[in-house]
Amino acid sequence: MRWSDEHKKWIKETGLILHTACGKEVPVLEFEYDTSDNDCLLAWARHFRNHYCDDAEIDELRAGTGLSRKDFLEVLKFPAKLIEDPQDTTGPATRSGDFSEILIADYLEYILNFWVPRTRYEFKVNKNTSEQGSDVLGFKFVGEGSSSRDELLIFEVKGTLTGNKKVSRLQDAADHSDKDKARLGVSLNAVKQRLRYKGHSEEALKVGRFQNLADNPYNQRFGAAAVLSNSAYDEATLATTNSSNNANYESLSMLVIRGEDLMALVHMLYETAANEA
């Protein structure tokens, strides 16, 4: 089974709620991972790897390259651990961004019970760049067929997983979320098209249900999340976040996930994912 939710046990409620300058309540969660839990780490690494390359397809995809599975993933699929080209400094930042988005996707799917299609990373042309469009889309259906109570949750995610600078990444996420309504049509079309390419026609139809809000009403919500290493986490900075000018202010929710030395964890996760392919 290529997807796993075992690592959800490491996402812990803290009970802490921050209050922003615009009056929003922001729950703070802790990602308390345990790298000595080898079974969980291996399942999580497999889950993570399959966002970039389906295990069932890796041998066919690497055919002709002369690369082992590990090298294929590291050379052609995974964002670089180090800067490989002075003209392209994005590899480590892309690792940070991809990890943050996938962690929020896992939170939406495994904690909040949304369906989150996993299509965002597999079709990258440049492994060291982030995909355009909305970061995470979560879908929820009420019964069979279409209901006006069906839900689409669109999350913008920003991460800072290294360094000691106290950063306002929640503000960045809220600001970028303001663009999500305008780019939603393109994002939904991309997800639907990729699902069809993968032969998941029924799932593509599920996405299609959300492509025409006017004729097929549903509940549309937006979110902004920051994923932060403890060294970059600062409650006073996060509390200055102001989303009052956001076009989606009324339906905007916010979230922070923090954890210890997350960039070291990210590198371990990519390494394990490649080694165990």
C-alpha atoms as a PDB file:
ATOM      1  CA  MET A   1       0.000   0.000   0.000  1.00  0.00           C
ATOM      2  CA  ARG A   2       1.729   3.168  -1.157  1.00  0.00           C
ATOM      3  CA  TRP A   3      -0.098   5.641   1.098  1.00  0.00           C
ATOM      4  CA  SER A   4       0.228   5.560   4.880  1.00  0.00           C
ATOM      5  CA  ASP A   5      -1.261   7.523   7.754  1.00  0.00           C
ATOM      6  CA  GLU A   6       0.936   5.992  10.476  1.00  0.00           C
ATOM      7  CA  HIS A   7       2.837   9.247  10.964  1.00  0.00           C
ATOM      8  CA  LYS A   8      -0.350  11.093  11.915  1.00  0.00           C
ATOM      9  CA  LYS A   9       0.288   9.926  15.484  1.00  0.00           C
ATOM     10  CA  TRP A  10       3.167  12.418  15.549  1.00  0.00           C
ATOM     11  CA  ILE A  11       0.791  15.374  14.936  1.00  0.00           C
ATOM     12  CA  LYS A  12      -0.201  16.451  18.436  1.00  0.00           C
ATOM     13  CA  GLU A  13      -2.750  18.953  19.679  1.00  0.00           C
ATOM     14  CA  THR A  14      -1.130  21.418  22.080  1.00  0.00           C
ATOM     15  CA  GLY A  15      -4.274  23.250  23.166  1.00  0.00           C
ATOM     16  CA  LEU A  16      -2.559  26.521  22.325  1.00  0.00           C
ATOM     17  CA  ILE A  17      -4.639  29.036  20.366  1.00  0.00           C
ATOM     18  CA  LEU A  18      -2.990  32.203  19.069  1.00  0.00           C
ATOM     19  CA  HIS A  19      -5.037  35.329  18.375  1.00  0.00           C
ATOM     20  CA  THR A  20      -4.049  37.390  15.352  1.00  0.00           C
ATOM     21  CA  ALA A  21      -4.223  41.139  14.836  1.00  0.00           C
ATOM     22  CA  CYS A  22      -7.347  40.621  12.704  1.00  0.00           C
ATOM     23  CA  GLY A  23      -9.157  38.545  15.307  1.00  0.00           C
ATOM     24  CA  LYS A  24      -8.571  35.070  13.919  1.00  0.00           C
ATOM     25  CA  GLU A  25      -7.949  32.104  16.198  1.00  0.00           C
ATOM     26  CA  VAL A  26      -4.959  29.992  15.151  1.00  0.00           C
ATOM     27  CA  PRO A  27      -4.454  26.524  16.632  1.00  0.00           C
ATOM     28  CA  VAL A  28      -0.822  25.506  17.110  1.00  0.00           C
ATOM     29  CA  LEU A  29       0.023  21.831  16.608  1.00  0.00           C
ATOM     30  CA  GLU A  30       3.245  20.037  17.465  1.00  0.00           C
ATOM     31  CA  PHE A  31       4.897  17.531  15.133  1.00  0.00           C
ATOM     32  CA  GLU A  32       6.615  15.249  17.650  1.00  0.00           C
ATOM     33  CA  TYR A  33       8.337  12.729  15.411  1.00  0.00           C
ATOM     34  CA  ASP A  34      10.357   9.747  16.606  1.00  0.00           C
ATOM     35  CA  THR A  35      13.062   8.618  14.179  1.00  0.00           C
ATOM     36  CA  SER A  36      13.697   5.512  16.300  1.00  0.00           C
ATOM     37  CA  ASP A  37      10.240   4.230  15.295  1.00  0.00           C
ATOM     38  CA  ASN A  38      11.611   2.497  12.211  1.00  0.00           C
ATOM     39  CA  ASP A  39       8.350   0.909  11.028  1.00  0.00           C
ATOM     40  CA  CYS A  40       6.568   4.250  11.052  1.00  0.00           C
ATOM     41  CA  LEU A  41       9.500   6.040   9.425  1.00  0.00           C
ATOM     42  CA  LEU A  42       9.671   3.487   6.579  1.00  0.00           C
ATOM     43  CA  ALA A  43       5.917   3.650   5.957  1.00  0.00           C
ATOM     44  CA  TRP A  44       6.061   7.445   5.965  1.00  0.00           C
ATOM     45  CA  ALA A  45       9.050   7.477   3.595  1.00  0.00           C
ATOM     46  CA  ARG A  46       7.167   5.225   1.162  1.00  0.00           C
ATOM     47  CA  HIS A  47       4.120   7.489   1.406  1.00  0.00           C
ATOM     48  CA  PHE A  48       6.328  10.531   0.795  1.00  0.00           C
ATOM     49  CA  ARG A  49       8.202   8.925  -2.140  1.00  0.00           C
ATOM     50  CA  ASN A  50       4.997   8.068  -3.961  1.00  0.00           C
ATOM     51  CA  HIS A  51       4.070  11.730  -4.223  1.00  0.00           C
ATOM     52  CA  TYR A  52       6.976  12.042  -6.675  1.00  0.00           C
ATOM     53  CA  CYS A  53       6.990   8.626  -8.340  1.00  0.00           C
ATOM     54  CA  ASP A  54       4.539   5.752  -8.140  1.00  0.00           C
ATOM     55  CA  ASP A  55       6.372   2.667  -6.864  1.00  0.00           C
ATOM     56  CA  ALA A  56       4.547   0.621  -9.495  1.00  0.00           C
ATOM     57  CA  GLU A  57       6.003   2.792 -12.279  1.00  0.00           C
ATOM     58  CA  ILE A  58       9.546   3.525 -11.140  1.00  0.00           C
ATOM     59  CA  ASP A  59      11.229   0.686 -13.061  1.00  0.00           C
ATOM     60  CA  GLU A  60       9.473   1.615 -16.291  1.00  0.00           C
ATOM     61  CA  LEU A  61      10.300   5.298 -15.825  1.00  0.00           C
ATOM     62  CA  ARG A  62      13.980   4.725 -15.096  1.00  0.00           C
ATOM     63  CA  ALA A  63      14.406   2.309 -18.006  1.00  0.00           C
ATOM     64  CA  GLY A  64      16.965   3.728 -20.416  1.00  0.00           C
ATOM     65  CA  THR A  65      18.541   6.067 -17.858  1.00  0.00           C
ATOM     66  CA  GLY A  66      21.096   3.593 -16.527  1.00  0.00           C
ATOM     67  CA  LEU A  67      20.147   4.764 -13.032  1.00  0.00           C
ATOM     68  CA  SER A  68      19.283   2.657 -10.018  1.00  0.00           C
ATOM     69  CA  ARG A  69      15.969   3.368  -8.298  1.00  0.00           C
ATOM     70  CA  LYS A  70      17.787   5.393  -5.649  1.00  0.00           C
ATOM     71  CA  ASP A  71      19.757   7.429  -8.181  1.00  0.00           C
ATOM     72  CA  PHE A  72      16.714   7.953 -10.402  1.00  0.00           C
ATOM     73  CA  LEU A  73      14.837   9.491  -7.493  1.00  0.00           C
ATOM     74  CA  GLU A  74      17.744  11.627  -6.306  1.00  0.00           C
ATOM     75  CA  VAL A  75      18.886  12.776  -9.757  1.00  0.00           C
ATOM     76  CA  LEU A  76      15.564  13.271 -11.536  1.00  0.00           C
ATOM     77  CA  LYS A  77      12.726  13.359  -9.021  1.00  0.00           C
ATOM     78  CA  PHE A  78      13.560  14.657  -5.549  1.00  0.00           C
ATOM     79  CA  PRO A  79      14.496  18.318  -4.978  1.00  0.00           C
ATOM     80  CA  ALA A  80      18.238  18.629  -4.349  1.00  0.00           C
ATOM     81  CA  LYS A  81      19.585  18.578  -0.810  1.00  0.00           C
ATOM     82  CA  LEU A  82      22.332  21.050  -1.715  1.00  0.00           C
ATOM     83  CA  ILE A  83      22.561  23.808  -4.284  1.00  0.00           C
ATOM     84  CA  GLU A  84      23.700  22.017  -7.438  1.00  0.00           C
ATOM     85  CA  ASP A  85      23.974  25.038  -9.738  1.00  0.00           C
ATOM     86  CA  PRO A  86      24.867  28.636  -8.733  1.00  0.00           C
ATOM     87  CA  GLN A  87      22.143  29.741 -11.140  1.00  0.00           C
ATOM     88  CA  ASP A  88      19.577  27.523  -9.425  1.00  0.00           C
ATOM     89  CA  THR A  89      19.462  27.924  -5.647  1.00  0.00           C
ATOM     90  CA  THR A  90      15.960  26.548  -5.209  1.00  0.00           C
ATOM     91  CA  GLY A  91      16.557  22.877  -4.365  1.00  0.00           C
ATOM     92  CA  PRO A  92      16.704  23.031  -0.541  1.00  0.00           C
ATOM     93  CA  ALA A  93      13.900  25.629  -0.440  1.00  0.00           C
ATOM     94  CA  THR A  94      11.757  23.386  -2.616  1.00  0.00           C
ATOM     95  CA  ARG A  95      12.388  20.477  -0.251  1.00  0.00           C
ATOM     96  CA  SER A  96      11.154  22.653   2.581  1.00  0.00           C
ATOM     97  CA  GLY A  97       8.099  23.806   0.645  1.00  0.00           C
ATOM     98  CA  ASP A  98       7.128  20.368  -0.631  1.00  0.00           C
ATOM     99  CA  PHE A  99       7.459  18.810   2.817  1.00  0.00           C
ATOM    100  CA  SER A 100       5.338  21.555   4.371  1.00  0.00           C
ATOM    101  CA  GLU A 101       2.602  21.152   1.761  1.00  0.00           C
ATOM    102  CA  ILE A 102       2.524  17.367   2.081  1.00  0.00           C
ATOM    103  CA  LEU A 103       2.358  17.608   5.886  1.00  0.00           C
ATOM    104  CA  ILE A 104      -0.641  19.944   5.654  1.00  0.00           C
ATOM    105  CA  ALA A 105      -2.224  17.661   3.042  1.00  0.00           C
ATOM    106  CA  ASP A 106      -1.808  14.761   5.467  1.00  0.00           C
ATOM    107  CA  TYR A 107      -3.372  16.814   8.251  1.00  0.00           C
ATOM    108  CA  LEU A 108      -6.394  17.639   6.081  1.00  0.00           C
ATOM    109  CA  GLU A 109      -6.840  14.038   4.959  1.00  0.00           C
ATOM    110  CA  TYR A 110      -5.963  11.999   8.035  1.00  0.00           C
ATOM    111  CA  ILE A 111      -7.078  14.347  10.819  1.00  0.00           C
ATOM    112  CA  LEU A 112      -9.877  16.431   9.248  1.00  0.00           C
ATOM    113  CA  ASN A 113     -11.118  13.644   6.930  1.00  0.00           C
ATOM    114  CA  PHE A 114     -10.950  15.489   3.622  1.00  0.00           C
ATOM    115  CA  TRP A 115     -10.075  13.680   0.410  1.00  0.00           C
ATOM    116  CA  VAL A 116      -6.787  15.143  -0.881  1.00  0.00           C
ATOM    117  CA  PRO A 117      -5.683  14.062  -4.402  1.00  0.00           C
ATOM    118  CA  ARG A 118      -1.931  13.453  -4.553  1.00  0.00           C
ATOM    119  CA  THR A 119      -1.028  14.795  -8.006  1.00  0.00           C
ATOM    120  CA  ARG A 120       1.047  17.903  -7.366  1.00  0.00           C
ATOM    121  CA  TYR A 121       4.663  16.656  -7.485  1.00  0.00           C
ATOM    122  CA  GLU A 122       4.728  13.667  -9.831  1.00  0.00           C
ATOM    123  CA  PHE A 123       4.616  15.667 -13.075  1.00  0.00           C
ATOM    124  CA  LYS A 124       7.282  18.267 -12.310  1.00  0.00           C
ATOM    125  CA  VAL A 125       9.591  19.163 -15.193  1.00  0.00           C
ATOM    126  CA  ASN A 126      12.157  20.831 -12.921  1.00  0.00           C
ATOM    127  CA  LYS A 127      12.553  18.920  -9.662  1.00  0.00           C
ATOM    128  CA  ASN A 128      13.918  22.021  -7.905  1.00  0.00           C
ATOM    129  CA  THR A 129      10.929  24.287  -8.470  1.00  0.00           C
ATOM    130  CA  SER A 130       7.552  24.429  -6.809  1.00  0.00           C
ATOM    131  CA  GLU A 131       4.411  23.761  -8.787  1.00  0.00           C
ATOM    132  CA  GLN A 132       2.162  26.692  -9.641  1.00  0.00           C
ATOM    133  CA  GLY A 133      -1.428  26.935  -8.402  1.00  0.00           C
ATOM    134  CA  SER A 134      -3.097  26.285  -5.072  1.00  0.00           C
ATOM    135  CA  ASP A 135      -0.900  24.355  -2.637  1.00  0.00           C
ATOM    136  CA  VAL A 136      -3.391  21.887  -1.135  1.00  0.00           C
ATOM    137  CA  LEU A 137      -6.957  21.088  -2.165  1.00  0.00           C
ATOM    138  CA  GLY A 138      -9.202  19.077   0.151  1.00  0.00           C
ATOM    139  CA  PHE A 139     -12.633  17.776  -0.837  1.00  0.00           C
ATOM    140  CA  LYS A 140     -15.463  16.558   1.372  1.00  0.00           C
ATOM    141  CA  PHE A 141     -18.733  14.996   0.192  1.00  0.00           C
ATOM    142  CA  VAL A 142     -22.017  14.754   2.081  1.00  0.00           C
ATOM    143  CA  GLY A 143     -23.682  11.532   0.962  1.00  0.00           C
ATOM    144  CA  GLU A 144     -24.140  10.315  -2.588  1.00  0.00           C
ATOM    145  CA  GLY A 145     -24.331  12.716  -5.520  1.00  0.00           C
ATOM    146  CA  SER A 146     -23.906  16.471  -5.168  1.00  0.00           C
ATOM    147  CA  SER A 147     -24.970  18.481  -2.150  1.00  0.00           C
ATOM    148  CA  SER A 148     -24.695  22.191  -1.442  1.00  0.00           C
ATOM    149  CA  ARG A 149     -23.064  21.076   1.812  1.00  0.00           C
ATOM    150  CA  ASP A 150     -20.142  19.477  -0.044  1.00  0.00           C
ATOM    151  CA  GLU A 151     -16.923  21.245   0.851  1.00  0.00           C
ATOM    152  CA  LEU A 152     -13.781  22.416  -0.915  1.00  0.00           C
ATOM    153  CA  LEU A 153     -10.921  23.608   1.282  1.00  0.00           C
ATOM    154  CA  ILE A 154      -8.065  25.481  -0.421  1.00  0.00           C
ATOM    155  CA  PHE A 155      -4.919  25.861   1.679  1.00  0.00           C
ATOM    156  CA  GLU A 156      -1.904  28.088   1.102  1.00  0.00           C
ATOM    157  CA  VAL A 157       1.180  26.759   2.919  1.00  0.00           C
ATOM    158  CA  LYS A 158       4.473  28.413   3.847  1.00  0.00           C
ATOM    159  CA  GLY A 159       7.325  26.747   5.676  1.00  0.00           C
ATOM    160  CA  THR A 160      10.550  27.757   7.385  1.00  0.00           C
ATOM    161  CA  LEU A 161      12.343  24.664   8.594  1.00  0.00           C
ATOM    162  CA  THR A 162      15.811  25.993   9.376  1.00  0.00           C
ATOM    163  CA  GLY A 163      17.558  29.052  10.818  1.00  0.00           C
ATOM    164  CA  ASN A 164      17.015  31.137  13.927  1.00  0.00           C
ATOM    165  CA  LYS A 165      15.187  34.083  12.391  1.00  0.00           C
ATOM    166  CA  LYS A 166      11.703  34.569  13.804  1.00  0.00           C
ATOM    167  CA  VAL A 167       9.594  34.812  10.673  1.00  0.00           C
ATOM    168  CA  SER A 168       6.080  35.859   9.720  1.00  0.00           C
ATOM    169  CA  ARG A 169       5.301  32.906   7.457  1.00  0.00           C
ATOM    170  CA  LEU A 170       1.671  32.836   8.540  1.00  0.00           C
ATOM    171  CA  GLN A 171       1.316  36.372   7.187  1.00  0.00           C
ATOM    172  CA  ASP A 172       2.931  35.232   3.934  1.00  0.00           C
ATOM    173  CA  ALA A 173       0.486  32.337   3.686  1.00  0.00           C
ATOM    174  CA  ALA A 174      -2.490  34.600   4.375  1.00  0.00           C
ATOM    175  CA  ASP A 175      -1.326  37.100   1.758  1.00  0.00           C
ATOM    176  CA  HIS A 176      -0.818  34.416  -0.885  1.00  0.00           C
ATOM    177  CA  SER A 177      -4.155  32.818  -0.040  1.00  0.00           C
ATOM    178  CA  ASP A 178      -5.780  35.984  -1.342  1.00  0.00           C
ATOM    179  CA  LYS A 179      -4.903  34.765  -4.868  1.00  0.00           C
ATOM    180  CA  ASP A 180      -6.419  31.310  -4.481  1.00  0.00           C
ATOM    181  CA  LYS A 181      -9.918  32.139  -5.691  1.00  0.00           C
ATOM    182  CA  ALA A 182      -8.516  33.572  -8.947  1.00  0.00           C
ATOM    183  CA  ARG A 183      -6.312  30.532  -9.643  1.00  0.00           C
ATOM    184  CA  LEU A 184      -8.725  27.880  -8.386  1.00  0.00           C
ATOM    185  CA  GLY A 185     -10.112  27.057 -11.832  1.00  0.00           C
ATOM    186  CA  VAL A 186      -6.636  26.342 -13.192  1.00  0.00           C
ATOM    187  CA  SER A 187      -5.724  24.318 -10.087  1.00  0.00           C
ATOM    188  CA  LEU A 188      -8.857  22.153 -10.270  1.00  0.00           C
ATOM    189  CA  ASN A 189      -8.321  21.541 -13.970  1.00  0.00           C
ATOM    190  CA  ALA A 190      -4.709  20.474 -13.346  1.00  0.00           C
ATOM    191  CA  VAL A 191      -5.733  17.988 -10.650  1.00  0.00           C
ATOM    192  CA  LYS A 192      -8.536  16.576 -12.797  1.00  0.00           C
ATOM    193  CA  GLN A 193      -6.281  16.251 -15.850  1.00  0.00           C
ATOM    194  CA  ARG A 194      -3.504  14.497 -13.913  1.00  0.00           C
ATOM    195  CA  LEU A 195      -5.959  12.056 -12.372  1.00  0.00           C
ATOM    196  CA  ARG A 196      -7.194  11.202 -15.873  1.00  0.00           C
ATOM    197  CA  TYR A 197      -3.599  10.709 -17.063  1.00  0.00           C
ATOM    198  CA  LYS A 198      -3.155   8.228 -14.202  1.00  0.00           C
ATOM    199  CA  GLY A 199      -6.318   6.355 -15.195  1.00  0.00           C
ATOM    200  CA  HIS A 200      -8.328   7.510 -12.161  1.00  0.00           C
ATOM    201  CA  SER A 201     -11.456   8.525 -14.088  1.00  0.00           C
ATOM    202  CA  GLU A 202     -13.850   8.242 -11.145  1.00  0.00           C
ATOM    203  CA  GLU A 203     -11.657  10.482  -8.994  1.00  0.00           C
ATOM    204  CA  ALA A 204     -11.404  12.966 -11.876  1.00  0.00           C
ATOM    205  CA  LEU A 205     -15.214  13.134 -11.956  1.00  0.00           C
ATOM    206  CA  LYS A 206     -15.217  13.862  -8.225  1.00  0.00           C
ATOM    207  CA  VAL A 207     -12.990  16.880  -8.845  1.00  0.00           C
ATOM    208  CA  GLY A 208     -15.221  17.946 -11.735  1.00  0.00           C
ATOM    209  CA  ARG A 209     -18.125  18.271  -9.311  1.00  0.00           C
ATOM    210  CA  PHE A 210     -16.368  21.376  -7.882  1.00  0.00           C
ATOM    211  CA  GLN A 211     -15.551  23.149 -11.149  1.00  0.00           C
ATOM    212  CA  ASN A 212     -18.783  25.133 -11.496  1.00  0.00           C
ATOM    213  CA  LEU A 213     -19.752  26.791  -8.221  1.00  0.00           C
ATOM    214  CA  ALA A 214     -22.536  28.875  -9.795  1.00  0.00           C
ATOM    215  CA  ASP A 215     -24.480  25.929 -11.219  1.00  0.00           C
ATOM    216  CA  ASN A 216     -23.440  23.335  -8.626  1.00  0.00           C
ATOM    217  CA  PRO A 217     -23.161  25.186  -5.288  1.00  0.00           C
ATOM    218  CA  TYR A 218     -20.924  23.928  -2.508  1.00  0.00           C
ATOM    219  CA  ASN A 219     -19.197  25.322   0.571  1.00  0.00           C
ATOM    220  CA  GLN A 220     -15.917  26.965  -0.458  1.00  0.00           C
ATOM    221  CA  ARG A 221     -13.381  27.631   2.299  1.00  0.00           C
ATOM    222  CA  PHE A 222      -9.812  28.870   2.392  1.00  0.00           C
ATOM    223  CA  GLY A 223      -6.864  28.285   4.687  1.00  0.00           C
ATOM    224  CA  ALA A 224      -3.396  29.607   5.494  1.00  0.00           C
ATOM    225  CA  ALA A 225      -0.808  27.464   7.262  1.00  0.00           C
ATOM    226  CA  ALA A 226       2.740  27.928   8.511  1.00  0.00           C
ATOM    227  CA  VAL A 227       5.050  24.978   9.166  1.00  0.00           C
ATOM    228  CA  LEU A 228       7.955  26.072  11.348  1.00  0.00           C
ATOM    229  CA  SER A 229      10.970  24.657  13.080  1.00  0.00           C
ATOM    230  CA  ASN A 230      11.002  25.643  16.721  1.00  0.00           C
ATOM    231  CA  SER A 231      13.983  27.901  16.044  1.00  0.00           C
ATOM    232  CA  ALA A 232      11.836  30.017  13.690  1.00  0.00           C
ATOM    233  CA  TYR A 233       8.678  29.925  15.806  1.00  0.00           C
ATOM    234  CA  ASP A 234       7.686  33.058  17.697  1.00  0.00           C
ATOM    235  CA  GLU A 235       4.203  33.634  19.092  1.00  0.00           C
ATOM    236  CA  ALA A 236       4.494  37.422  19.132  1.00  0.00           C
ATOM    237  CA  THR A 237       5.451  37.491  15.451  1.00  0.00           C
ATOM    238  CA  LEU A 238       2.659  35.108  14.488  1.00  0.00           C
ATOM    239  CA  ALA A 239       0.144  37.195  16.452  1.00  0.00           C
ATOM    240  CA  THR A 240       0.843  40.209  14.226  1.00  0.00           C
ATOM    241  CA  THR A 241      -0.718  38.373  11.255  1.00  0.00           C
ATOM    242  CA  ASN A 242      -3.455  40.472   9.683  1.00  0.00           C
ATOM    243  CA  SER A 243      -5.762  39.045   7.036  1.00  0.00           C
ATOM    244  CA  SER A 244      -8.489  41.684   7.264  1.00  0.00           C
ATOM    245  CA  ASN A 245      -7.863  42.758   3.656  1.00  0.00           C
ATOM    246  CA  ASN A 246      -8.013  39.208   2.342  1.00  0.00           C
ATOM    247  CA  ALA A 247     -10.874  38.750  -0.125  1.00  0.00           C
ATOM    248  CA  ASN A 248     -11.649  35.431   1.571  1.00  0.00           C
ATOM    249  CA  TYR A 249     -11.403  36.748   5.123  1.00  0.00           C
ATOM    250  CA  GLU A 250     -14.753  35.423   6.336  1.00  0.00           C
ATOM    251  CA  SER A 251     -14.034  31.833   5.261  1.00  0.00           C
ATOM    252  CA  LEU A 252     -10.288  31.899   5.987  1.00  0.00           C
ATOM    253  CA  SER A 253      -8.924  29.601   8.691  1.00  0.00           C
ATOM    254  CA  MET A 254      -5.329  29.516   9.906  1.00  0.00           C
ATOM    255  CA  LEU A 255      -3.046  26.860  11.302  1.00  0.00           C
ATOM    256  CA  VAL A 256       0.519  26.515  12.603  1.00  0.00           C
ATOM    257  CA  ILE A 257       2.491  23.268  12.893  1.00  0.00           C
ATOM    258  CA  ARG A 258       5.819  23.437  14.694  1.00  0.00           C
ATOM    259  CA  GLY A 259       8.538  20.875  15.360  1.00  0.00           C
ATOM    260  CA  GLU A 260      12.153  20.445  16.385  1.00  0.00           C
ATOM    261  CA  ASP A 261      14.893  20.668  13.719  1.00  0.00           C
ATOM    262  CA  LEU A 262      12.513  19.932  10.864  1.00  0.00           C
ATOM    263  CA  MET A 263      14.996  20.433   8.031  1.00  0.00           C
ATOM    264  CA  ALA A 264      17.213  17.640   9.374  1.00  0.00           C
ATOM    265  CA  LEU A 265      14.111  15.460   9.441  1.00  0.00           C
ATOM    266  CA  VAL A 266      13.288  16.412   5.837  1.00  0.00           C
ATOM    267  CA  HIS A 267      16.729  15.343   4.617  1.00  0.00           C
ATOM    268  CA  MET A 268      16.426  12.057   6.514  1.00  0.00           C
ATOM    269  CA  LEU A 269      13.004  11.460   4.990  1.00  0.00           C
ATOM    270  CA  TYR A 270      14.186  12.017   1.417  1.00  0.00           C
ATOM    271  CA  GLU A 271      17.257   9.823   2.036  1.00  0.00           C
ATOM    272  CA  THR A 272      15.156   7.014   3.492  1.00  0.00           C
ATOM    273  CA  ALA A 273      12.624   7.299   0.668  1.00  0.00           C
ATOM    274  CA  ALA A 274      15.403   6.896  -1.932  1.00  0.00           C
ATOM    275  CA  ASN A 275      17.248   4.113  -0.117  1.00  0.00           C
ATOM    276  CA  GLU A 276      14.118   2.026   0.387  1.00  0.00           C
ATOM    277  CA  ALA A 277      12.760   2.340  -3.180  1.00  0.00           C
END
